[in-house]
Amino acid sequence: MFQETNIAVFAGSGGYTFAERMCRFMYRKLGSSQVIKFSDGNIFVRINESVRDRNVYLVQPIGTNPNDEFVEILFFVDALKRSNALSVTLVMPYFGYAKGDKKDEPRVSIRARVCAESMELAGCDRFITMDLHSPQVQGFFKNPMDHLYAMPMLCEMAKRRYDLSNAVIVSPDAGFTKQARKFAAWLNLPLAIGDKQRFDHSENAQILEVLGHVDGKDCLITDDFTTSGGTLVNVAHALKKRGARSVRAMLSHNIVSKQGVELINSSPIDTVLSTDTIFNPNIVGQEKFKTISVAPMFAETIIRYYNSQSINDMFTALPENIVQAGLDMANS
């Protein structure tokens, strides 16, 4: 049992369930707070207990309601700092604005950098997040960041639920190949790569070719997230066209839209396995969508931080108690 008494865990409106799961793993009580959204759109937050001289962890993804969730973070951090919290660590399981990581067109904002600077100016001392869209986004943050990976938990779930004797890992594009290789190495499977090209901001991409042997194979597509479902479905059709026996997908984050759910439900994809970094009501009750909790990984990160233990060790051999807790909290 985690004995550290000088910490407190609070949650924004988008992170309440995730924070409760973290607290359950640490045998702690979630702190009391309040969020009110007024009829004119203004947001009000309040901490309902003392945080003086305590190390506070605020749990809030920037996910399906990104603008309100981002503003809540700024207001919560300001409230905590004005209440004399010793430190404030933002536990941000999903950072939606990480997609805005570069100026690749004229007259556009580097949104990830704007968010990073704003959160640090508000008073964030440290960050814990998972599978940033581009790892170099960490460079936008001046303060320390623990960057976690969903890969070990997804792989352990796949080993327990699927027959992988004839499987192959598939990267949907060249950009995700490096991470897909880690999935393949963890599961001791071969790798195939989709040749994807995106022509606009429509969230859909064209699959031009598949590099690797997929004929007669059970294909596991890996990616960091999906919104429209378009890339996953296009890759699935390309794999089936090339003789794949079955197609499943594994995602670090699932922010798929209602239209995306419908598209995937009518596609050759058998299941989509993802984590609970955000709560997405669009996938609730959908047979093809399965979720495993990574809240224990975030909780374990905090425990290891206070016990001066290696966090990196989790990504070489994930402890069984974390895997089992994630399975217990999953919707199967």
C-alpha atoms as a PDB file:
ATOM      1  CA  MET A   1       0.000   0.000   0.000  1.00  0.00           C
ATOM      2  CA  PHE A   2       1.249   3.492  -0.908  1.00  0.00           C
ATOM      3  CA  GLN A   3       1.907   5.256   2.403  1.00  0.00           C
ATOM      4  CA  GLU A   4       2.788   8.790   1.213  1.00  0.00           C
ATOM      5  CA  THR A   5       0.395  11.150   3.030  1.00  0.00           C
ATOM      6  CA  ASN A   6       1.456  14.525   1.674  1.00  0.00           C
ATOM      7  CA  ILE A   7      -0.240  14.162  -1.713  1.00  0.00           C
ATOM      8  CA  ALA A   8      -3.730  14.923  -2.955  1.00  0.00           C
ATOM      9  CA  VAL A   9      -5.421  13.859  -6.202  1.00  0.00           C
ATOM     10  CA  PHE A  10      -8.091  15.996  -7.869  1.00  0.00           C
ATOM     11  CA  ALA A  11      -9.884  15.687 -11.198  1.00  0.00           C
ATOM     12  CA  GLY A  12     -11.329  18.005 -13.813  1.00  0.00           C
ATOM     13  CA  SER A  13     -14.653  17.188 -15.443  1.00  0.00           C
ATOM     14  CA  GLY A  14     -12.958  15.125 -18.165  1.00  0.00           C
ATOM     15  CA  GLY A  15     -10.748  13.093 -15.835  1.00  0.00           C
ATOM     16  CA  TYR A  16     -13.023  12.058 -12.982  1.00  0.00           C
ATOM     17  CA  THR A  17     -13.373   8.352 -13.828  1.00  0.00           C
ATOM     18  CA  PHE A  18      -9.685   8.005 -14.664  1.00  0.00           C
ATOM     19  CA  ALA A  19      -8.700   9.732 -11.410  1.00  0.00           C
ATOM     20  CA  GLU A  20     -10.976   7.433  -9.394  1.00  0.00           C
ATOM     21  CA  ARG A  21      -9.263   4.417 -10.951  1.00  0.00           C
ATOM     22  CA  MET A  22      -5.839   5.846 -10.107  1.00  0.00           C
ATOM     23  CA  CYS A  23      -6.923   6.409  -6.523  1.00  0.00           C
ATOM     24  CA  ARG A  24      -8.335   2.886  -6.294  1.00  0.00           C
ATOM     25  CA  PHE A  25      -4.928   1.471  -7.286  1.00  0.00           C
ATOM     26  CA  MET A  26      -3.176   3.677  -4.709  1.00  0.00           C
ATOM     27  CA  TYR A  27      -5.815   3.026  -1.994  1.00  0.00           C
ATOM     28  CA  ARG A  28      -6.484   6.746  -1.707  1.00  0.00           C
ATOM     29  CA  LYS A  29      -9.535   8.997  -1.714  1.00  0.00           C
ATOM     30  CA  LEU A  30     -10.120  11.380  -4.600  1.00  0.00           C
ATOM     31  CA  GLY A  31     -10.080  15.028  -3.523  1.00  0.00           C
ATOM     32  CA  SER A  32     -13.288  17.048  -3.559  1.00  0.00           C
ATOM     33  CA  SER A  33     -13.656  19.759  -6.200  1.00  0.00           C
ATOM     34  CA  GLN A  34     -16.336  21.431  -8.267  1.00  0.00           C
ATOM     35  CA  VAL A  35     -16.744  22.586 -11.878  1.00  0.00           C
ATOM     36  CA  ILE A  36     -19.641  24.800 -12.972  1.00  0.00           C
ATOM     37  CA  LYS A  37     -20.307  25.897 -16.542  1.00  0.00           C
ATOM     38  CA  PHE A  38     -22.624  28.902 -16.615  1.00  0.00           C
ATOM     39  CA  SER A  39     -25.238  29.535 -19.278  1.00  0.00           C
ATOM     40  CA  ASP A  40     -22.996  32.089 -20.990  1.00  0.00           C
ATOM     41  CA  GLY A  41     -20.205  29.502 -21.350  1.00  0.00           C
ATOM     42  CA  ASN A  42     -18.032  30.781 -18.478  1.00  0.00           C
ATOM     43  CA  ILE A  43     -16.311  28.091 -16.399  1.00  0.00           C
ATOM     44  CA  PHE A  44     -15.933  28.196 -12.611  1.00  0.00           C
ATOM     45  CA  VAL A  45     -13.798  25.780 -10.565  1.00  0.00           C
ATOM     46  CA  ARG A  46     -13.388  25.333  -6.818  1.00  0.00           C
ATOM     47  CA  ILE A  47     -11.197  23.153  -4.566  1.00  0.00           C
ATOM     48  CA  ASN A  48     -13.322  22.000  -1.628  1.00  0.00           C
ATOM     49  CA  GLU A  49     -10.541  21.037   0.803  1.00  0.00           C
ATOM     50  CA  SER A  50      -7.212  22.346   2.008  1.00  0.00           C
ATOM     51  CA  VAL A  51      -4.148  21.721  -0.174  1.00  0.00           C
ATOM     52  CA  ARG A  52      -1.691  23.862   1.790  1.00  0.00           C
ATOM     53  CA  ASP A  53       1.860  22.427   1.566  1.00  0.00           C
ATOM     54  CA  ARG A  54       0.643  19.337  -0.294  1.00  0.00           C
ATOM     55  CA  ASN A  55       1.872  17.830  -3.570  1.00  0.00           C
ATOM     56  CA  VAL A  56      -1.209  17.914  -5.773  1.00  0.00           C
ATOM     57  CA  TYR A  57      -1.975  15.775  -8.825  1.00  0.00           C
ATOM     58  CA  LEU A  58      -4.630  17.193 -11.142  1.00  0.00           C
ATOM     59  CA  VAL A  59      -6.094  14.618 -13.554  1.00  0.00           C
ATOM     60  CA  GLN A  60      -7.517  16.044 -16.777  1.00  0.00           C
ATOM     61  CA  PRO A  61      -7.143  14.928 -20.406  1.00  0.00           C
ATOM     62  CA  ILE A  62      -7.560  17.339 -23.298  1.00  0.00           C
ATOM     63  CA  GLY A  63      -9.831  15.084 -25.303  1.00  0.00           C
ATOM     64  CA  THR A  64     -13.403  15.110 -26.608  1.00  0.00           C
ATOM     65  CA  ASN A  65     -14.166  18.586 -25.217  1.00  0.00           C
ATOM     66  CA  PRO A  66     -10.699  20.103 -25.635  1.00  0.00           C
ATOM     67  CA  ASN A  67     -11.334  23.811 -25.207  1.00  0.00           C
ATOM     68  CA  ASP A  68     -13.326  23.553 -21.971  1.00  0.00           C
ATOM     69  CA  GLU A  69     -10.944  20.924 -20.615  1.00  0.00           C
ATOM     70  CA  PHE A  70      -7.924  23.116 -21.358  1.00  0.00           C
ATOM     71  CA  VAL A  71      -9.493  26.147 -19.672  1.00  0.00           C
ATOM     72  CA  GLU A  72     -10.384  24.016 -16.638  1.00  0.00           C
ATOM     73  CA  ILE A  73      -6.717  23.046 -16.316  1.00  0.00           C
ATOM     74  CA  LEU A  74      -5.630  26.681 -16.253  1.00  0.00           C
ATOM     75  CA  PHE A  75      -8.239  27.634 -13.669  1.00  0.00           C
ATOM     76  CA  PHE A  76      -7.633  24.575 -11.464  1.00  0.00           C
ATOM     77  CA  VAL A  77      -3.873  25.100 -11.436  1.00  0.00           C
ATOM     78  CA  ASP A  78      -4.316  28.773 -10.599  1.00  0.00           C
ATOM     79  CA  ALA A  79      -6.718  27.896  -7.770  1.00  0.00           C
ATOM     80  CA  LEU A  80      -4.304  25.289  -6.383  1.00  0.00           C
ATOM     81  CA  LYS A  81      -1.329  27.645  -6.491  1.00  0.00           C
ATOM     82  CA  ARG A  82      -3.339  30.416  -4.810  1.00  0.00           C
ATOM     83  CA  SER A  83      -4.251  27.860  -2.125  1.00  0.00           C
ATOM     84  CA  ASN A  84      -0.543  27.314  -1.329  1.00  0.00           C
ATOM     85  CA  ALA A  85      -0.145  23.861  -2.834  1.00  0.00           C
ATOM     86  CA  LEU A  86       3.490  22.808  -2.530  1.00  0.00           C
ATOM     87  CA  SER A  87       3.546  21.552  -6.129  1.00  0.00           C
ATOM     88  CA  VAL A  88       1.052  20.846  -8.915  1.00  0.00           C
ATOM     89  CA  THR A  89       1.562  17.942 -11.331  1.00  0.00           C
ATOM     90  CA  LEU A  90      -0.807  17.757 -14.274  1.00  0.00           C
ATOM     91  CA  VAL A  91      -1.786  14.180 -15.099  1.00  0.00           C
ATOM     92  CA  MET A  92      -2.890  14.617 -18.712  1.00  0.00           C
ATOM     93  CA  PRO A  93      -3.547  11.115 -20.107  1.00  0.00           C
ATOM     94  CA  TYR A  94      -4.327  12.535 -23.556  1.00  0.00           C
ATOM     95  CA  PHE A  95      -3.048  15.832 -24.959  1.00  0.00           C
ATOM     96  CA  GLY A  96      -5.285  16.501 -27.947  1.00  0.00           C
ATOM     97  CA  TYR A  97      -3.500  19.666 -29.058  1.00  0.00           C
ATOM     98  CA  ALA A  98      -0.249  17.704 -29.472  1.00  0.00           C
ATOM     99  CA  LYS A  99      -1.348  17.272 -33.092  1.00  0.00           C
ATOM    100  CA  GLY A 100      -0.545  20.972 -33.608  1.00  0.00           C
ATOM    101  CA  ASP A 101       3.188  20.421 -33.286  1.00  0.00           C
ATOM    102  CA  LYS A 102       4.591  22.364 -36.253  1.00  0.00           C
ATOM    103  CA  LYS A 103       4.060  25.272 -38.640  1.00  0.00           C
ATOM    104  CA  ASP A 104       3.584  23.292 -41.837  1.00  0.00           C
ATOM    105  CA  GLU A 105       1.386  25.874 -43.587  1.00  0.00           C
ATOM    106  CA  PRO A 106       1.544  29.665 -43.867  1.00  0.00           C
ATOM    107  CA  ARG A 107      -0.069  31.688 -41.066  1.00  0.00           C
ATOM    108  CA  VAL A 108      -0.947  28.853 -38.659  1.00  0.00           C
ATOM    109  CA  SER A 109      -0.400  28.481 -34.918  1.00  0.00           C
ATOM    110  CA  ILE A 110       1.821  25.881 -33.264  1.00  0.00           C
ATOM    111  CA  ARG A 111      -1.009  24.979 -30.918  1.00  0.00           C
ATOM    112  CA  ALA A 112       0.865  22.452 -28.769  1.00  0.00           C
ATOM    113  CA  ARG A 113       3.466  25.080 -27.868  1.00  0.00           C
ATOM    114  CA  VAL A 114       0.815  27.669 -26.972  1.00  0.00           C
ATOM    115  CA  CYS A 115      -0.895  25.156 -24.664  1.00  0.00           C
ATOM    116  CA  ALA A 116       2.389  24.079 -23.053  1.00  0.00           C
ATOM    117  CA  GLU A 117       3.455  27.636 -22.278  1.00  0.00           C
ATOM    118  CA  SER A 118      -0.001  28.543 -20.943  1.00  0.00           C
ATOM    119  CA  MET A 119      -0.141  25.573 -18.569  1.00  0.00           C
ATOM    120  CA  GLU A 120       3.338  26.306 -17.245  1.00  0.00           C
ATOM    121  CA  LEU A 121       2.563  29.998 -16.808  1.00  0.00           C
ATOM    122  CA  ALA A 122      -0.548  28.989 -14.834  1.00  0.00           C
ATOM    123  CA  GLY A 123       1.736  27.096 -12.444  1.00  0.00           C
ATOM    124  CA  CYS A 124       2.154  23.449 -13.551  1.00  0.00           C
ATOM    125  CA  ASP A 125       5.387  22.125 -12.027  1.00  0.00           C
ATOM    126  CA  ARG A 126       5.409  18.717 -13.697  1.00  0.00           C
ATOM    127  CA  PHE A 127       3.473  16.711 -16.301  1.00  0.00           C
ATOM    128  CA  ILE A 128       2.549  13.058 -16.763  1.00  0.00           C
ATOM    129  CA  THR A 129       1.088  12.108 -20.139  1.00  0.00           C
ATOM    130  CA  MET A 130       0.829   9.167 -22.527  1.00  0.00           C
ATOM    131  CA  ASP A 131       1.732   8.615 -26.180  1.00  0.00           C
ATOM    132  CA  LEU A 132       2.037  12.138 -27.498  1.00  0.00           C
ATOM    133  CA  HIS A 133       1.226  12.340 -31.216  1.00  0.00           C
ATOM    134  CA  SER A 134       4.828  13.452 -31.751  1.00  0.00           C
ATOM    135  CA  PRO A 135       7.386  12.694 -28.999  1.00  0.00           C
ATOM    136  CA  GLN A 136       9.235  15.936 -29.761  1.00  0.00           C
ATOM    137  CA  VAL A 137       6.278  17.839 -28.288  1.00  0.00           C
ATOM    138  CA  GLN A 138       8.010  17.196 -24.959  1.00  0.00           C
ATOM    139  CA  GLY A 139      10.455  19.887 -26.062  1.00  0.00           C
ATOM    140  CA  PHE A 140       7.696  22.513 -25.832  1.00  0.00           C
ATOM    141  CA  PHE A 141       7.608  21.996 -22.049  1.00  0.00           C
ATOM    142  CA  LYS A 142      10.315  23.549 -19.882  1.00  0.00           C
ATOM    143  CA  ASN A 143       9.256  21.660 -16.753  1.00  0.00           C
ATOM    144  CA  PRO A 144       9.792  17.883 -16.262  1.00  0.00           C
ATOM    145  CA  MET A 145       7.503  15.447 -18.068  1.00  0.00           C
ATOM    146  CA  ASP A 146       6.975  11.712 -17.623  1.00  0.00           C
ATOM    147  CA  HIS A 147       5.961  10.370 -21.052  1.00  0.00           C
ATOM    148  CA  LEU A 148       4.273   6.976 -20.679  1.00  0.00           C
ATOM    149  CA  TYR A 149       3.454   4.401 -23.355  1.00  0.00           C
ATOM    150  CA  ALA A 150       0.270   2.371 -23.775  1.00  0.00           C
ATOM    151  CA  MET A 151       2.105  -0.304 -25.776  1.00  0.00           C
ATOM    152  CA  PRO A 152       2.916  -2.719 -22.894  1.00  0.00           C
ATOM    153  CA  MET A 153      -0.664  -2.746 -21.597  1.00  0.00           C
ATOM    154  CA  LEU A 154      -2.182  -3.147 -25.075  1.00  0.00           C
ATOM    155  CA  CYS A 155       0.245  -5.956 -25.897  1.00  0.00           C
ATOM    156  CA  GLU A 156      -0.485  -7.809 -22.656  1.00  0.00           C
ATOM    157  CA  MET A 157      -4.210  -7.490 -23.325  1.00  0.00           C
ATOM    158  CA  ALA A 158      -3.725  -8.809 -26.877  1.00  0.00           C
ATOM    159  CA  LYS A 159      -1.727 -11.815 -25.608  1.00  0.00           C
ATOM    160  CA  ARG A 160      -4.551 -12.723 -23.231  1.00  0.00           C
ATOM    161  CA  ARG A 161      -7.465 -12.174 -25.624  1.00  0.00           C
ATOM    162  CA  TYR A 162      -6.250 -13.087 -29.131  1.00  0.00           C
ATOM    163  CA  ASP A 163      -4.593 -16.027 -30.855  1.00  0.00           C
ATOM    164  CA  LEU A 164      -1.331 -14.499 -32.077  1.00  0.00           C
ATOM    165  CA  SER A 165       0.206 -17.646 -33.563  1.00  0.00           C
ATOM    166  CA  ASN A 166      -0.347 -16.371 -37.124  1.00  0.00           C
ATOM    167  CA  ALA A 167      -0.434 -12.617 -36.489  1.00  0.00           C
ATOM    168  CA  VAL A 168       1.393  -9.629 -37.949  1.00  0.00           C
ATOM    169  CA  ILE A 169       1.640  -6.062 -36.624  1.00  0.00           C
ATOM    170  CA  VAL A 170       0.623  -3.391 -39.148  1.00  0.00           C
ATOM    171  CA  SER A 171       1.684   0.262 -39.002  1.00  0.00           C
ATOM    172  CA  PRO A 172      -0.886   2.415 -40.853  1.00  0.00           C
ATOM    173  CA  ASP A 173       1.866   4.642 -42.256  1.00  0.00           C
ATOM    174  CA  ALA A 174       5.613   5.187 -42.286  1.00  0.00           C
ATOM    175  CA  GLY A 175       5.381   7.783 -39.510  1.00  0.00           C
ATOM    176  CA  PHE A 176       4.206   5.240 -36.930  1.00  0.00           C
ATOM    177  CA  THR A 177       6.678   2.553 -37.967  1.00  0.00           C
ATOM    178  CA  LYS A 178       9.148   3.141 -35.128  1.00  0.00           C
ATOM    179  CA  GLN A 179       6.450   2.668 -32.482  1.00  0.00           C
ATOM    180  CA  ALA A 180       4.895  -0.265 -34.374  1.00  0.00           C
ATOM    181  CA  ARG A 181       8.281  -2.016 -34.279  1.00  0.00           C
ATOM    182  CA  LYS A 182       8.103  -1.886 -30.465  1.00  0.00           C
ATOM    183  CA  PHE A 183       4.706  -3.630 -30.573  1.00  0.00           C
ATOM    184  CA  ALA A 184       6.167  -6.263 -32.911  1.00  0.00           C
ATOM    185  CA  ALA A 185       9.215  -6.772 -30.661  1.00  0.00           C
ATOM    186  CA  TRP A 186       7.106  -7.070 -27.463  1.00  0.00           C
ATOM    187  CA  LEU A 187       4.856  -9.680 -29.093  1.00  0.00           C
ATOM    188  CA  ASN A 188       7.628 -11.285 -31.175  1.00  0.00           C
ATOM    189  CA  LEU A 189       5.680 -10.757 -34.409  1.00  0.00           C
ATOM    190  CA  PRO A 190       6.577  -9.600 -37.935  1.00  0.00           C
ATOM    191  CA  LEU A 191       5.771  -6.076 -39.153  1.00  0.00           C
ATOM    192  CA  ALA A 192       3.937  -4.690 -42.197  1.00  0.00           C
ATOM    193  CA  ILE A 193       3.596  -1.014 -43.144  1.00  0.00           C
ATOM    194  CA  GLY A 194       0.829   0.890 -44.918  1.00  0.00           C
ATOM    195  CA  ASP A 195       1.859   3.560 -47.429  1.00  0.00           C
ATOM    196  CA  LYS A 196      -0.568   6.368 -46.548  1.00  0.00           C
ATOM    197  CA  GLN A 197      -0.995   9.767 -48.160  1.00  0.00           C
ATOM    198  CA  ARG A 198      -3.141  12.608 -46.796  1.00  0.00           C
ATOM    199  CA  PHE A 199      -4.256  15.328 -49.202  1.00  0.00           C
ATOM    200  CA  ASP A 200      -6.213  17.736 -46.939  1.00  0.00           C
ATOM    201  CA  HIS A 201      -7.645  18.229 -43.406  1.00  0.00           C
ATOM    202  CA  SER A 202     -10.643  15.923 -43.963  1.00  0.00           C
ATOM    203  CA  GLU A 203      -9.182  13.344 -41.484  1.00  0.00           C
ATOM    204  CA  ASN A 204      -9.188  10.727 -44.238  1.00  0.00           C
ATOM    205  CA  ALA A 205      -6.134   9.312 -45.974  1.00  0.00           C
ATOM    206  CA  GLN A 206      -5.587   7.137 -49.034  1.00  0.00           C
ATOM    207  CA  ILE A 207      -3.709   3.854 -48.629  1.00  0.00           C
ATOM    208  CA  LEU A 208      -1.501   3.438 -51.687  1.00  0.00           C
ATOM    209  CA  GLU A 209       0.276   0.175 -50.823  1.00  0.00           C
ATOM    210  CA  VAL A 210       1.010  -2.322 -48.030  1.00  0.00           C
ATOM    211  CA  LEU A 211       4.648  -3.269 -47.505  1.00  0.00           C
ATOM    212  CA  GLY A 212       5.065  -6.720 -45.972  1.00  0.00           C
ATOM    213  CA  HIS A 213       3.478 -10.172 -46.020  1.00  0.00           C
ATOM    214  CA  VAL A 214      -0.181 -10.154 -44.860  1.00  0.00           C
ATOM    215  CA  ASP A 215      -1.736 -12.892 -47.018  1.00  0.00           C
ATOM    216  CA  GLY A 216      -3.452 -15.399 -44.710  1.00  0.00           C
ATOM    217  CA  LYS A 217      -2.377 -13.461 -41.607  1.00  0.00           C
ATOM    218  CA  ASP A 218      -4.281 -12.113 -38.597  1.00  0.00           C
ATOM    219  CA  CYS A 219      -3.437  -8.406 -38.793  1.00  0.00           C
ATOM    220  CA  LEU A 220      -3.149  -6.092 -35.780  1.00  0.00           C
ATOM    221  CA  ILE A 221      -3.157  -2.424 -36.840  1.00  0.00           C
ATOM    222  CA  THR A 222      -1.469  -0.171 -34.274  1.00  0.00           C
ATOM    223  CA  ASP A 223      -1.879   3.608 -34.065  1.00  0.00           C
ATOM    224  CA  ASP A 224      -1.920   6.356 -31.459  1.00  0.00           C
ATOM    225  CA  PHE A 225      -5.533   7.484 -32.013  1.00  0.00           C
ATOM    226  CA  THR A 226      -8.423   7.723 -34.445  1.00  0.00           C
ATOM    227  CA  THR A 227     -11.088  10.392 -34.876  1.00  0.00           C
ATOM    228  CA  SER A 228     -12.960   9.617 -38.085  1.00  0.00           C
ATOM    229  CA  GLY A 229     -11.926   5.954 -38.275  1.00  0.00           C
ATOM    230  CA  GLY A 230     -11.071   6.562 -41.923  1.00  0.00           C
ATOM    231  CA  THR A 231      -7.422   5.520 -41.841  1.00  0.00           C
ATOM    232  CA  LEU A 232      -8.151   2.324 -39.892  1.00  0.00           C
ATOM    233  CA  VAL A 233     -10.946   1.324 -42.256  1.00  0.00           C
ATOM    234  CA  ASN A 234      -8.918   2.115 -45.371  1.00  0.00           C
ATOM    235  CA  VAL A 235      -5.994   0.067 -44.065  1.00  0.00           C
ATOM    236  CA  ALA A 236      -8.371  -2.770 -43.173  1.00  0.00           C
ATOM    237  CA  HIS A 237      -9.799  -2.843 -46.711  1.00  0.00           C
ATOM    238  CA  ALA A 238      -6.278  -2.781 -48.164  1.00  0.00           C
ATOM    239  CA  LEU A 239      -5.250  -5.691 -45.937  1.00  0.00           C
ATOM    240  CA  LYS A 240      -8.333  -7.730 -46.822  1.00  0.00           C
ATOM    241  CA  LYS A 241      -7.727  -7.036 -50.515  1.00  0.00           C
ATOM    242  CA  ARG A 242      -4.249  -8.517 -50.058  1.00  0.00           C
ATOM    243  CA  GLY A 243      -5.554 -11.688 -48.416  1.00  0.00           C
ATOM    244  CA  ALA A 244      -5.534 -10.916 -44.662  1.00  0.00           C
ATOM    245  CA  ARG A 245      -7.499 -13.513 -42.692  1.00  0.00           C
ATOM    246  CA  SER A 246      -8.656 -11.077 -39.996  1.00  0.00           C
ATOM    247  CA  VAL A 247      -8.101  -7.455 -38.997  1.00  0.00           C
ATOM    248  CA  ARG A 248      -8.048  -5.924 -35.509  1.00  0.00           C
ATOM    249  CA  ALA A 249      -6.831  -2.537 -34.297  1.00  0.00           C
ATOM    250  CA  MET A 250      -5.040  -1.345 -31.147  1.00  0.00           C
ATOM    251  CA  LEU A 251      -5.058   2.358 -30.203  1.00  0.00           C
ATOM    252  CA  SER A 252      -3.392   4.343 -27.440  1.00  0.00           C
ATOM    253  CA  HIS A 253      -6.353   6.757 -27.358  1.00  0.00           C
ATOM    254  CA  ASN A 254      -9.878   6.403 -28.748  1.00  0.00           C
ATOM    255  CA  ILE A 255     -11.541   9.702 -29.615  1.00  0.00           C
ATOM    256  CA  VAL A 256     -13.548   8.293 -32.513  1.00  0.00           C
ATOM    257  CA  SER A 257     -16.670  10.227 -33.535  1.00  0.00           C
ATOM    258  CA  LYS A 258     -20.170   8.786 -33.894  1.00  0.00           C
ATOM    259  CA  GLN A 259     -19.695   8.690 -37.652  1.00  0.00           C
ATOM    260  CA  GLY A 260     -16.367   6.929 -37.125  1.00  0.00           C
ATOM    261  CA  VAL A 261     -18.035   4.285 -34.956  1.00  0.00           C
ATOM    262  CA  GLU A 262     -20.564   3.632 -37.711  1.00  0.00           C
ATOM    263  CA  LEU A 263     -17.790   3.425 -40.299  1.00  0.00           C
ATOM    264  CA  ILE A 264     -15.800   0.926 -38.233  1.00  0.00           C
ATOM    265  CA  ASN A 265     -18.907  -1.139 -37.412  1.00  0.00           C
ATOM    266  CA  SER A 266     -19.546  -1.593 -41.145  1.00  0.00           C
ATOM    267  CA  SER A 267     -15.882  -2.349 -41.927  1.00  0.00           C
ATOM    268  CA  PRO A 268     -13.808  -5.591 -41.986  1.00  0.00           C
ATOM    269  CA  ILE A 269     -12.311  -4.657 -38.583  1.00  0.00           C
ATOM    270  CA  ASP A 270     -13.262  -7.275 -35.973  1.00  0.00           C
ATOM    271  CA  THR A 271     -12.353  -5.325 -32.815  1.00  0.00           C
ATOM    272  CA  VAL A 272     -10.751  -2.040 -31.760  1.00  0.00           C
ATOM    273  CA  LEU A 273      -8.796  -2.308 -28.504  1.00  0.00           C
ATOM    274  CA  SER A 274      -7.946   1.013 -26.825  1.00  0.00           C
ATOM    275  CA  THR A 275      -7.146   2.535 -23.444  1.00  0.00           C
ATOM    276  CA  ASP A 276      -9.280   4.675 -21.142  1.00  0.00           C
ATOM    277  CA  THR A 277      -7.160   7.858 -21.381  1.00  0.00           C
ATOM    278  CA  ILE A 278     -10.378   9.677 -22.247  1.00  0.00           C
ATOM    279  CA  PHE A 279     -14.014   8.803 -21.667  1.00  0.00           C
ATOM    280  CA  ASN A 280     -15.651   8.520 -25.096  1.00  0.00           C
ATOM    281  CA  PRO A 281     -19.435   8.032 -24.896  1.00  0.00           C
ATOM    282  CA  ASN A 282     -19.516   7.160 -28.608  1.00  0.00           C
ATOM    283  CA  ILE A 283     -18.036   3.702 -27.969  1.00  0.00           C
ATOM    284  CA  VAL A 284     -20.142   2.781 -24.931  1.00  0.00           C
ATOM    285  CA  GLY A 285     -22.109  -0.385 -25.649  1.00  0.00           C
ATOM    286  CA  GLN A 286     -20.432  -0.914 -29.030  1.00  0.00           C
ATOM    287  CA  GLU A 287     -19.489  -4.577 -29.453  1.00  0.00           C
ATOM    288  CA  LYS A 288     -16.431  -3.960 -31.609  1.00  0.00           C
ATOM    289  CA  PHE A 289     -14.818  -1.576 -29.119  1.00  0.00           C
ATOM    290  CA  LYS A 290     -12.898  -2.928 -26.127  1.00  0.00           C
ATOM    291  CA  THR A 291     -11.104  -0.868 -23.478  1.00  0.00           C
ATOM    292  CA  ILE A 292      -8.321  -1.566 -20.998  1.00  0.00           C
ATOM    293  CA  SER A 293      -7.417   0.838 -18.205  1.00  0.00           C
ATOM    294  CA  VAL A 294      -3.978   2.460 -18.036  1.00  0.00           C
ATOM    295  CA  ALA A 295      -4.885   4.342 -14.837  1.00  0.00           C
ATOM    296  CA  PRO A 296      -2.794   1.805 -12.836  1.00  0.00           C
ATOM    297  CA  MET A 297       0.250   2.734 -14.950  1.00  0.00           C
ATOM    298  CA  PHE A 298      -0.198   6.414 -14.081  1.00  0.00           C
ATOM    299  CA  ALA A 299      -0.720   5.585 -10.411  1.00  0.00           C
ATOM    300  CA  GLU A 300       2.364   3.358 -10.413  1.00  0.00           C
ATOM    301  CA  THR A 301       4.358   6.232 -11.941  1.00  0.00           C
ATOM    302  CA  ILE A 302       3.471   8.415  -8.947  1.00  0.00           C
ATOM    303  CA  ILE A 303       4.324   5.614  -6.513  1.00  0.00           C
ATOM    304  CA  ARG A 304       7.694   4.991  -8.163  1.00  0.00           C
ATOM    305  CA  TYR A 305       8.453   8.695  -8.212  1.00  0.00           C
ATOM    306  CA  TYR A 306       8.046   8.910  -4.428  1.00  0.00           C
ATOM    307  CA  ASN A 307       9.892   5.636  -3.833  1.00  0.00           C
ATOM    308  CA  SER A 308      12.819   6.738  -6.062  1.00  0.00           C
ATOM    309  CA  GLN A 309      12.274   3.733  -8.339  1.00  0.00           C
ATOM    310  CA  SER A 310      12.752   3.493 -12.097  1.00  0.00           C
ATOM    311  CA  ILE A 311       9.715   4.388 -14.203  1.00  0.00           C
ATOM    312  CA  ASN A 312      11.363   3.099 -17.370  1.00  0.00           C
ATOM    313  CA  ASP A 313      11.359  -0.469 -15.989  1.00  0.00           C
ATOM    314  CA  MET A 314       7.589  -0.615 -16.585  1.00  0.00           C
ATOM    315  CA  PHE A 315       8.226  -0.498 -20.334  1.00  0.00           C
ATOM    316  CA  THR A 316      10.623  -3.434 -20.366  1.00  0.00           C
ATOM    317  CA  ALA A 317       8.644  -5.788 -18.111  1.00  0.00           C
ATOM    318  CA  LEU A 318       5.202  -4.594 -17.048  1.00  0.00           C
ATOM    319  CA  PRO A 319       4.432  -5.865 -13.514  1.00  0.00           C
ATOM    320  CA  GLU A 320       1.590  -8.381 -13.356  1.00  0.00           C
ATOM    321  CA  ASN A 321      -0.306  -6.420 -10.702  1.00  0.00           C
ATOM    322  CA  ILE A 322      -0.579  -3.447 -13.090  1.00  0.00           C
ATOM    323  CA  VAL A 323      -1.757  -5.669 -15.941  1.00  0.00           C
ATOM    324  CA  GLN A 324      -4.347  -7.382 -13.742  1.00  0.00           C
ATOM    325  CA  ALA A 325      -5.619  -4.073 -12.375  1.00  0.00           C
ATOM    326  CA  GLY A 326      -5.965  -2.743 -15.919  1.00  0.00           C
ATOM    327  CA  LEU A 327      -7.921  -5.845 -16.933  1.00  0.00           C
ATOM    328  CA  ASP A 328     -10.151  -5.609 -13.861  1.00  0.00           C
ATOM    329  CA  MET A 329     -11.011  -2.001 -14.713  1.00  0.00           C
ATOM    330  CA  ALA A 330     -11.577  -2.750 -18.408  1.00  0.00           C
ATOM    331  CA  ASN A 331     -14.898  -3.145 -20.196  1.00  0.00           C
ATOM    332  CA  SER A 332     -14.737  -6.624 -21.684  1.00  0.00           C
END
